[in-house]
N, C-alpha and C. Protein backbone atom coordinates (compact mmCIF):
# COMPACT_ATOMS: atom_id res chain seq x y z
N MET A 1 0.74 -1.16 -0.41
CA MET A 1 -0.14 -0.30 -0.13
C MET A 1 1.04 1.05 -0.10
N SER A 2 0.57 1.80 -0.66
CA SER A 2 1.00 3.71 -1.13
C SER A 2 0.83 4.62 -0.69
N VAL A 3 1.43 5.41 0.35
CA VAL A 3 1.04 6.00 1.27
C VAL A 3 1.11 7.84 0.24
N PRO A 4 -0.04 8.63 0.41
CA PRO A 4 -0.30 9.72 -0.75
C PRO A 4 0.43 10.59 -0.42
N MET A 5 1.20 11.75 -1.60
CA MET A 5 2.16 12.40 -1.72
C MET A 5 1.81 13.57 -1.61
N LEU A 6 1.33 14.80 -0.53
CA LEU A 6 0.85 16.14 -1.02
C LEU A 6 2.20 17.15 -1.17
N ASN A 7 2.43 17.76 -2.10
CA ASN A 7 2.80 19.44 -2.34
C ASN A 7 2.09 20.64 -2.05
N LYS A 8 2.27 20.98 -1.40
CA LYS A 8 1.45 22.36 -0.73
C LYS A 8 2.32 23.48 -0.54
N MET A 9 1.53 24.45 -0.76
CA MET A 9 2.22 25.78 -1.15
C MET A 9 1.47 26.83 -0.65
N HIS A 10 1.51 28.42 -0.81
CA HIS A 10 0.69 29.10 -0.60
C HIS A 10 1.35 30.56 -1.51
N MET A 11 0.14 31.03 -2.01
CA MET A 11 1.05 32.72 -2.83
C MET A 11 -0.45 33.49 -2.83
N ASN A 12 -0.07 34.41 -2.10
CA ASN A 12 -1.42 35.08 -2.13
C ASN A 12 -2.46 35.07 -1.59
N GLY A 13 -2.02 34.25 -0.41
CA GLY A 13 -3.48 33.68 0.11
C GLY A 13 -4.42 32.74 -0.27
N TYR A 14 -3.82 32.19 -1.51
CA TYR A 14 -4.09 30.95 -2.00
C TYR A 14 -3.54 29.51 -1.82
N ASP A 15 -4.31 28.55 -1.72
CA ASP A 15 -3.17 27.11 -1.53
C ASP A 15 -2.88 26.27 -3.33
N VAL A 16 -1.43 26.39 -3.64
CA VAL A 16 -1.21 26.25 -4.94
C VAL A 16 -1.16 24.66 -4.15
N LEU A 17 -1.73 23.27 -4.49
CA LEU A 17 -0.68 22.22 -4.44
C LEU A 17 -1.42 20.78 -5.25
N SER A 18 -0.63 19.63 -5.14
CA SER A 18 -0.55 18.47 -6.06
C SER A 18 -0.15 17.41 -5.10
N VAL A 19 -1.51 16.47 -5.43
CA VAL A 19 -1.43 15.34 -4.88
C VAL A 19 -1.12 14.18 -5.74
N ASN A 20 0.03 13.25 -5.11
CA ASN A 20 0.12 12.39 -6.06
C ASN A 20 0.49 12.27 -7.33
N HIS A 21 1.79 13.59 -8.19
CA HIS A 21 2.06 14.07 -8.87
C HIS A 21 0.83 13.98 -9.84
N GLY A 22 0.07 14.75 -9.32
CA GLY A 22 -1.45 14.80 -10.46
C GLY A 22 -1.06 16.12 -11.23
N PRO A 23 -2.22 16.99 -11.57
CA PRO A 23 -2.59 18.26 -11.74
C PRO A 23 -2.24 19.14 -10.80
N TRP A 24 -1.31 20.00 -10.74
CA TRP A 24 -1.36 21.78 -10.03
C TRP A 24 -2.50 22.26 -9.57
N ARG A 25 -3.30 22.38 -8.36
CA ARG A 25 -4.47 23.38 -8.45
C ARG A 25 -4.54 24.38 -7.28
N VAL A 26 -5.16 25.63 -7.87
CA VAL A 26 -4.69 26.62 -7.18
C VAL A 26 -6.32 26.41 -6.33
N CYS A 27 -6.56 26.75 -5.36
CA CYS A 27 -7.84 26.71 -4.27
C CYS A 27 -7.62 27.90 -3.05
N THR A 28 -9.28 27.93 -2.94
CA THR A 28 -9.29 28.97 -1.68
C THR A 28 -9.89 27.80 -0.86
N GLN A 29 -10.28 28.01 0.55
CA GLN A 29 -10.66 26.77 1.38
C GLN A 29 -11.94 26.10 0.85
N GLY A 30 -13.08 26.77 0.03
CA GLY A 30 -13.96 25.97 -0.27
C GLY A 30 -14.47 26.41 -1.57
N ASP A 31 -13.47 26.59 -3.04
CA ASP A 31 -13.37 26.48 -4.22
C ASP A 31 -11.99 25.87 -5.07
N ARG A 32 -12.17 25.42 -6.18
CA ARG A 32 -10.89 25.10 -6.52
C ARG A 32 -11.34 25.76 -7.88
N LEU A 33 -9.95 26.92 -8.42
CA LEU A 33 -10.32 27.65 -9.28
C LEU A 33 -9.67 27.04 -10.53
N GLY A 34 -8.33 26.75 -10.44
CA GLY A 34 -8.03 25.90 -11.53
C GLY A 34 -7.00 24.77 -11.32
N SER A 35 -7.28 24.00 -13.00
CA SER A 35 -6.31 23.11 -12.39
C SER A 35 -5.03 23.16 -13.86
N PHE A 36 -3.93 22.25 -13.30
CA PHE A 36 -2.24 23.40 -14.09
C PHE A 36 -1.66 22.23 -14.33
N ALA A 37 -0.68 21.59 -15.93
CA ALA A 37 0.05 20.72 -15.72
C ALA A 37 1.61 20.83 -15.18
N SER A 38 1.67 21.91 -14.38
CA SER A 38 3.05 22.65 -13.82
C SER A 38 2.88 23.30 -12.47
N ARG A 39 3.74 23.43 -12.14
CA ARG A 39 4.23 23.97 -10.74
C ARG A 39 4.12 25.06 -11.41
N GLU A 40 4.76 25.49 -12.35
CA GLU A 40 5.04 26.77 -12.50
C GLU A 40 3.84 28.11 -13.34
N GLU A 41 2.84 26.97 -14.15
CA GLU A 41 2.11 27.46 -14.70
C GLU A 41 0.75 28.18 -13.02
N ALA A 42 0.45 27.27 -12.08
CA ALA A 42 -0.32 27.06 -11.02
C ALA A 42 0.20 28.35 -10.05
N LEU A 43 1.43 28.71 -9.91
CA LEU A 43 1.78 29.82 -9.61
C LEU A 43 1.87 31.49 -10.08
N ALA A 44 1.99 31.09 -11.10
CA ALA A 44 1.95 32.16 -12.33
C ALA A 44 0.21 32.83 -12.07
N PHE A 45 -0.95 31.82 -12.23
CA PHE A 45 -1.89 32.06 -12.29
C PHE A 45 -2.36 32.57 -10.31
N ALA A 46 -2.11 32.03 -9.40
CA ALA A 46 -2.43 32.32 -8.21
C ALA A 46 -1.69 33.87 -8.15
N ALA A 47 -0.51 34.17 -8.47
CA ALA A 47 0.04 35.35 -8.69
C ALA A 47 -0.69 35.92 -9.33
N SER A 48 -1.40 36.00 -10.35
CA SER A 48 -2.01 37.11 -11.17
C SER A 48 -3.60 37.18 -10.60
N LEU A 49 -4.24 36.60 -9.12
CA LEU A 49 -5.36 37.23 -8.85
C LEU A 49 -5.06 37.91 -7.56
N PRO A 50 -6.14 38.62 -7.02
CA PRO A 50 -5.98 39.19 -6.49
C PRO A 50 -5.69 38.98 -4.63
N GLY A 51 -5.27 39.55 -3.88
CA GLY A 51 -4.89 38.57 -2.75
C GLY A 51 -6.60 38.25 -1.89
N TYR A 52 -5.99 37.43 -1.17
CA TYR A 52 -6.89 36.32 -0.87
C TYR A 52 -7.31 36.58 0.49
N ARG A 53 -8.35 36.66 1.64
CA ARG A 53 -8.14 36.41 2.48
C ARG A 53 -9.92 36.17 2.80
N ALA A 54 -9.93 34.80 3.78
CA ALA A 54 -11.05 34.41 3.96
C ALA A 54 -11.88 35.67 5.16
N ARG A 55 -12.94 35.65 4.64
CA ARG A 55 -13.97 36.68 5.42
C ARG A 55 -14.55 36.38 6.73
N ALA A 56 -14.71 37.00 7.16
CA ALA A 56 -14.87 36.32 8.71
C ALA A 56 -16.64 36.59 8.79
N GLY A 57 -17.22 35.17 8.79
CA GLY A 57 -18.17 34.74 8.94
C GLY A 57 -19.32 35.42 9.91
N ARG A 58 -20.33 35.76 9.13
CA ARG A 58 -21.71 36.44 10.10
C ARG A 58 -22.68 35.58 10.74
N PRO A 59 -23.59 35.38 11.68
CA PRO A 59 -24.71 34.43 11.93
C PRO A 59 -25.82 34.81 11.18
N ALA A 60 -26.40 33.77 10.90
CA ALA A 60 -27.72 33.78 10.30
C ALA A 60 -28.61 34.68 10.46
N GLY A 61 -29.20 35.28 9.85
CA GLY A 61 -30.27 36.44 9.81
C GLY A 61 -29.43 37.78 10.58
N SER A 62 -28.43 38.10 10.10
CA SER A 62 -27.76 39.24 10.44
C SER A 62 -28.36 40.59 9.70
N HIS A 63 -28.62 40.21 8.90
CA HIS A 63 -29.20 41.65 7.50
C HIS A 63 -30.06 42.06 8.44
N GLN A 64 -30.39 43.32 8.56
CA GLN A 64 -31.33 43.68 8.93
C GLN A 64 -31.39 45.07 8.00
N ALA A 65 -32.73 45.62 7.70
CA ALA A 65 -33.00 46.41 6.90
C ALA A 65 -33.02 47.71 7.29
N LYS A 66 -32.36 48.94 6.93
CA LYS A 66 -32.84 50.27 7.41
C LYS A 66 -33.26 51.59 6.98
């Protein structure tokens, strides 16, 4: 049985990762933004995106009409 291999790095707040030498992916916590054949392409894509910061969650029903 083989052990899965994970290569992961961060660029501009995005995760750039590859599992078992598969395609490189650019992701946020909840979304996959792109998939690339090489690490350089994935890093270039992540560098071209605006900086990412996770938004602070609000409790449901916190929207109030003014």
